[in-house]
Protein backbone atom coordinates (compact mmCIF):
# COMPACT_ATOMS: atom_id res chain seq x y z
CA UNK A 1 6.17 -13.15 -0.40
CA UNK A 2 8.86 -10.72 -1.60
CA UNK A 3 11.35 -13.38 -2.82
CA UNK A 4 8.56 -15.15 -4.70
CA UNK A 5 7.42 -11.97 -6.47
CA UNK A 6 11.04 -11.21 -7.34
CA UNK A 7 11.41 -14.69 -8.86
CA UNK A 8 8.26 -14.23 -10.93
CA UNK A 9 9.61 -10.90 -12.17
CA UNK A 10 12.81 -12.65 -13.26
CA UNK A 11 10.82 -15.24 -15.19
CA UNK A 12 11.80 -18.04 -12.81
CA UNK A 13 9.73 -20.81 -11.26
CA UNK A 14 7.68 -19.72 -8.24
CA UNK A 15 5.80 -21.33 -5.38
CA UNK A 16 2.58 -23.14 -6.27
CA UNK A 17 0.33 -20.55 -4.62
CA UNK A 18 1.80 -17.71 -6.71
CA UNK A 19 1.81 -19.78 -9.89
CA UNK A 20 -1.89 -20.54 -9.37
CA UNK A 21 -2.61 -16.90 -8.62
CA UNK A 22 -0.89 -15.78 -11.81
CA UNK A 23 -2.67 -18.46 -13.88
CA UNK A 24 -6.04 -17.39 -12.44
CA UNK A 25 -5.41 -13.81 -13.55
CA UNK A 26 -4.35 -14.89 -17.03
CA UNK A 27 -7.45 -17.07 -17.40
CA UNK A 28 -9.69 -14.21 -16.24
CA UNK A 29 -8.07 -11.87 -18.75
CA UNK A 30 -8.61 -14.33 -21.59
CA UNK A 31 -12.27 -14.79 -20.66
CA UNK A 32 -12.70 -11.03 -20.76
CA UNK A 33 -10.98 -10.84 -24.15
CA UNK A 34 -13.31 -13.54 -25.51
CA UNK A 35 -16.40 -11.76 -24.17
CA UNK A 36 -15.35 -8.39 -25.60
CA UNK A 37 -13.58 -9.56 -28.73
CA UNK A 38 -14.40 -6.46 -30.80
CA UNK A 39 -12.96 -4.16 -28.15
CA UNK A 40 -9.71 -6.08 -27.79
CA UNK A 41 -9.20 -6.23 -31.53
CA UNK A 42 -8.54 -2.49 -31.27
CA UNK A 43 -6.92 -2.29 -27.82
CA UNK A 44 -4.11 -3.93 -25.92
CA UNK A 45 -4.99 -7.32 -24.50
CA UNK A 46 -4.48 -7.77 -20.74
CA UNK A 47 -3.28 -11.36 -21.23
CA UNK A 48 -0.30 -9.97 -23.13
CA UNK A 49 0.63 -7.77 -20.19
CA UNK A 50 0.27 -10.72 -17.80
CA UNK A 51 2.72 -12.57 -20.02
CA UNK A 52 5.15 -9.65 -20.03
CA UNK A 53 5.34 -9.83 -16.24
CA UNK A 54 7.36 -13.04 -16.55
CA UNK A 55 9.63 -11.92 -19.36
CA UNK A 56 12.58 -11.36 -17.01
CA UNK A 57 13.17 -7.86 -18.37
CA UNK A 58 11.90 -5.90 -15.38
CA UNK A 59 13.74 -4.11 -12.61
CA UNK A 60 14.88 -5.97 -9.48
CA UNK A 61 12.55 -3.99 -7.23
CA UNK A 62 14.24 -4.86 -3.93
CA UNK A 63 17.70 -3.97 -5.28
CA UNK A 64 17.48 -1.37 -8.05
CA UNK A 65 14.34 0.60 -7.16
CA UNK A 66 15.14 3.88 -5.37
CA UNK A 67 11.55 4.27 -4.14
CA UNK A 68 11.05 0.88 -2.46
CA UNK A 69 12.85 -0.89 0.38
CA UNK A 70 13.53 -4.60 0.72
CA UNK A 71 9.96 -5.24 1.90
CA UNK A 72 8.57 -3.37 -1.16
CA UNK A 73 7.28 -0.51 0.95
CA UNK A 74 8.04 3.16 0.28
CA UNK A 75 11.64 3.63 1.43
CA UNK A 76 10.94 6.63 3.64
CA UNK A 77 10.49 7.12 7.36
CA UNK A 78 9.38 10.75 7.33
CA UNK A 79 5.86 12.10 6.93
CA UNK A 80 6.87 14.30 4.01
CA UNK A 81 8.73 11.50 2.24
CA UNK A 82 5.87 9.02 2.63
CA UNK A 83 3.18 11.47 1.54
CA UNK A 84 5.20 12.43 -1.54
CA UNK A 85 3.98 9.20 -3.14
CA UNK A 86 0.33 8.97 -4.13
CA UNK A 87 -1.48 5.87 -5.44
CA UNK A 88 -2.43 6.06 -9.11
CA UNK A 89 -3.92 3.75 -11.74
CA UNK A 90 -0.74 4.33 -13.79
CA UNK A 91 1.56 3.41 -10.90
CA UNK A 92 2.51 5.32 -7.79
CA UNK A 93 6.05 6.37 -8.72
CA UNK A 94 7.08 9.32 -10.86
CA UNK A 95 10.73 9.45 -9.85
CA UNK A 96 13.28 9.50 -12.63
CA UNK A 97 15.99 6.90 -12.10
CA UNK A 98 18.05 4.49 -14.16
CA UNK A 99 15.49 1.73 -13.67
CA UNK A 100 12.31 3.73 -14.35
CA UNK A 101 11.89 2.40 -17.90
CA UNK A 102 11.95 -1.18 -16.53
CA UNK A 103 9.72 -0.57 -13.50
CA UNK A 104 6.16 -1.92 -13.58
CA UNK A 105 4.95 0.80 -11.21
CA UNK A 106 6.47 3.80 -12.92
CA UNK A 107 3.97 6.04 -14.68
CA UNK A 108 5.93 5.81 -17.92
CA UNK A 109 6.20 2.03 -17.85
CA UNK A 110 5.26 -0.06 -20.88
CA UNK A 111 3.67 -2.66 -18.59
CA UNK A 112 0.03 -2.29 -17.59
CA UNK A 113 0.64 -1.00 -14.05
CA UNK A 114 -2.91 -1.70 -12.93
CA UNK A 115 -2.41 -5.43 -13.46
CA UNK A 116 0.95 -5.54 -11.71
CA UNK A 117 -0.53 -3.69 -8.74
CA UNK A 118 -3.43 -6.13 -8.63
CA UNK A 119 -1.05 -9.09 -8.46
CA UNK A 120 1.04 -7.54 -5.69
CA UNK A 121 -2.05 -6.79 -3.62
CA UNK A 122 -3.45 -10.27 -4.15
CA UNK A 123 -0.15 -11.71 -2.96
CA UNK A 124 -0.02 -9.37 0.05
CA UNK A 125 -3.55 -10.29 1.08
CA UNK A 126 -2.44 -13.91 1.26
CA UNK A 127 -0.24 -12.86 4.20
CA UNK A 128 -3.10 -11.31 6.21
CA UNK A 129 -4.08 -13.39 9.25
CA UNK A 130 -7.64 -13.85 10.46
CA UNK A 131 -6.55 -13.24 14.04
CA UNK A 132 -6.58 -10.74 15.62
CA UNK A 133 -10.07 -10.22 14.23
CA UNK A 134 -10.33 -7.64 11.43
CA UNK A 135 -11.43 -4.17 12.57
CA UNK A 136 -13.61 -1.99 10.33
CA UNK A 137 -12.26 1.55 10.58
CA UNK A 138 -14.96 3.12 8.42
CA UNK A 139 -14.81 5.39 5.41
CA UNK A 140 -12.58 7.90 7.22
CA UNK A 141 -9.57 5.61 7.43
CA UNK A 142 -7.28 7.38 4.95
CA UNK A 143 -4.02 9.26 5.31
CA UNK A 144 -5.94 12.55 4.98
CA UNK A 145 -8.14 11.58 7.93
CA UNK A 146 -5.08 10.62 9.95
CA UNK A 147 -3.55 14.03 9.21
CA UNK A 148 -6.76 15.82 10.19
CA UNK A 149 -7.01 13.88 13.44
CA UNK A 150 -3.36 14.51 14.25
CA UNK A 151 -3.54 18.26 13.64
CA UNK A 152 -6.86 18.78 15.42
CA UNK A 153 -5.53 16.98 18.49
CA UNK A 154 -2.83 19.64 18.58
CA UNK A 155 -5.21 22.55 18.15
CA UNK A 156 -4.10 23.09 14.56
CA UNK A 157 -6.44 24.10 11.73
CA UNK A 158 -6.51 21.23 9.27
CA UNK A 159 -6.21 22.68 5.78
CA UNK A 160 -3.99 25.53 6.95
CA UNK A 161 -1.47 23.67 9.09
CA UNK A 162 0.80 20.85 7.93
CA UNK A 163 1.71 17.73 9.89
CA UNK A 164 5.07 17.43 8.12
CA UNK A 165 6.58 19.70 10.76
CA UNK A 166 6.01 16.95 13.34
CA UNK A 167 8.51 14.65 11.61
CA UNK A 168 10.02 13.33 14.82
CA UNK A 169 6.73 12.18 16.35
CA UNK A 170 6.27 8.38 16.06
CA UNK A 171 2.48 8.88 16.13
CA UNK A 172 2.61 10.94 12.93
CA UNK A 173 5.19 8.72 11.22
CA UNK A 174 3.28 5.55 12.10
CA UNK A 175 0.03 6.91 10.70
CA UNK A 176 1.80 8.03 7.53
CA UNK A 177 3.24 4.50 7.16
CA UNK A 178 -0.25 3.04 7.53
CA UNK A 179 -1.70 5.42 4.98
CA UNK A 180 1.08 5.62 2.37
CA UNK A 181 3.64 2.82 2.72
CA UNK A 182 2.13 0.84 -0.17
CA UNK A 183 1.44 3.89 -2.34
CA UNK A 184 3.73 2.79 -5.20
CA UNK A 185 1.69 -0.37 -5.90
CA UNK A 186 -1.33 -0.14 -3.60
CA UNK A 187 -3.86 1.66 -5.81
CA UNK A 188 -7.27 -0.02 -6.07
CA UNK A 189 -10.18 0.55 -8.43
CA UNK A 190 -13.24 2.39 -7.13
CA UNK A 191 -12.50 6.10 -7.05
CA UNK A 192 -12.53 6.63 -3.27
CA UNK A 193 -8.98 5.74 -2.29
CA UNK A 194 -9.44 1.97 -2.39
CA UNK A 195 -6.53 -0.42 -2.26
CA UNK A 196 -3.84 -1.64 0.09
CA UNK A 197 -2.71 1.57 1.76
CA UNK A 198 0.13 0.63 4.10
CA UNK A 199 1.27 -1.35 7.11
CA UNK A 200 3.29 -1.42 10.32
CA UNK A 201 5.60 -4.27 11.27
CA UNK A 202 5.48 -5.84 14.77
CA UNK A 203 8.23 -3.61 16.17
CA UNK A 204 6.70 -0.52 14.60
CA UNK A 205 3.38 -1.38 16.25
CA UNK A 206 5.22 -1.42 19.57
CA UNK A 207 6.84 1.97 18.98
CA UNK A 208 3.51 3.48 17.99
CA UNK A 209 1.65 2.04 20.98
CA UNK A 210 4.33 3.32 23.36
CA UNK A 211 3.85 6.84 21.99
CA UNK A 212 0.06 6.48 22.03
CA UNK A 213 -0.04 5.38 25.66
CA UNK A 214 2.42 8.08 26.72
CA UNK A 215 0.82 11.06 24.99
CA UNK A 216 -2.38 10.07 23.21
CA UNK A 217 -4.81 10.65 26.12
CA UNK A 218 -3.32 14.09 26.83
CA UNK A 219 -3.99 15.51 23.39
CA UNK A 220 -6.84 17.87 22.54
CA UNK A 221 -10.42 17.12 21.51
CA UNK A 222 -11.45 16.17 17.97
CA UNK A 223 -14.59 15.49 15.98
CA UNK A 224 -16.41 12.49 17.45
CA UNK A 225 -16.23 10.47 14.23
CA UNK A 226 -12.48 11.00 14.08
CA UNK A 227 -12.17 9.91 17.69
CA UNK A 228 -14.04 6.66 16.96
CA UNK A 229 -11.80 6.03 13.94
CA UNK A 230 -8.65 6.40 16.01
CA UNK A 231 -9.97 4.28 18.85
CA UNK A 232 -10.40 1.45 16.34
CA UNK A 233 -7.01 2.05 14.73
CA UNK A 234 -5.16 2.17 18.04
CA UNK A 235 -7.06 -0.87 19.29
CA UNK A 236 -6.05 -2.89 16.24
CA UNK A 237 -2.42 -1.80 16.41
CA UNK A 238 -2.35 -2.76 20.07
CA UNK A 239 -3.94 -6.16 19.43
CA UNK A 240 -1.46 -6.91 16.65
CA UNK A 241 1.46 -5.88 18.82
CA UNK A 242 0.29 -8.18 21.62
CA UNK A 243 -0.06 -11.01 19.08
CA UNK A 244 3.47 -10.40 17.78
CA UNK A 245 2.38 -9.49 14.27
CA UNK A 246 2.06 -6.38 12.12
CA UNK A 247 -1.04 -4.53 10.95
CA UNK A 248 -2.15 -3.67 7.40
CA UNK A 249 -4.68 -1.06 6.26
CA UNK A 250 -6.98 -2.13 3.41
CA UNK A 251 -9.68 0.04 1.87
CA UNK A 252 -12.48 -1.52 -0.17
């Protein structure tokens, strides 16, 4: 997926599935512009922004971007570093760097960040397997809920304590990766934290499960709804690890 998105950004030919995905978005934008002609006579047309995506003038995200790694996830492996980034309709990055003016996800970008984020999430969803079977975590499956669960299991008062001081704990880091790894481009419309939140790779699932099995059962009690949430999360991570694949957290 990443090489194909990079090629599209450079204005090069891409795989058929991505070309069709891009064309579908352009066609949808043009239908909207035709239906609301009076509005778009006064405002920027989304089809123009879809066209700009393939102008070849944007940053090489996997090479020049200081916020993202080669897999286009937030390039941090600490709780504090991951939680520094927050999804936003204007893009999830506010860092100032040499490439910020050419970055589609920077809040000062001239590209319509919402559309670029939509394309990236559509592409990422194409990589989601149907097996293991999808698990519904419930409305509490956000990074804030993970933090609350984590702190309460340690007898800490959520709201007064801070899980950033547990930087070396793979349980905390793994949950932060699930809740914030895609923060730069994972924002979704809705108003309740929707979008593609984050993921763990196969090896990261293994590291997390090892920590969960070693120390998870020995931690303190939490609110019953939080306990159910984490039972589902840990079950899914374990199932994905056994299947040799990663796990992604989507909120809709």
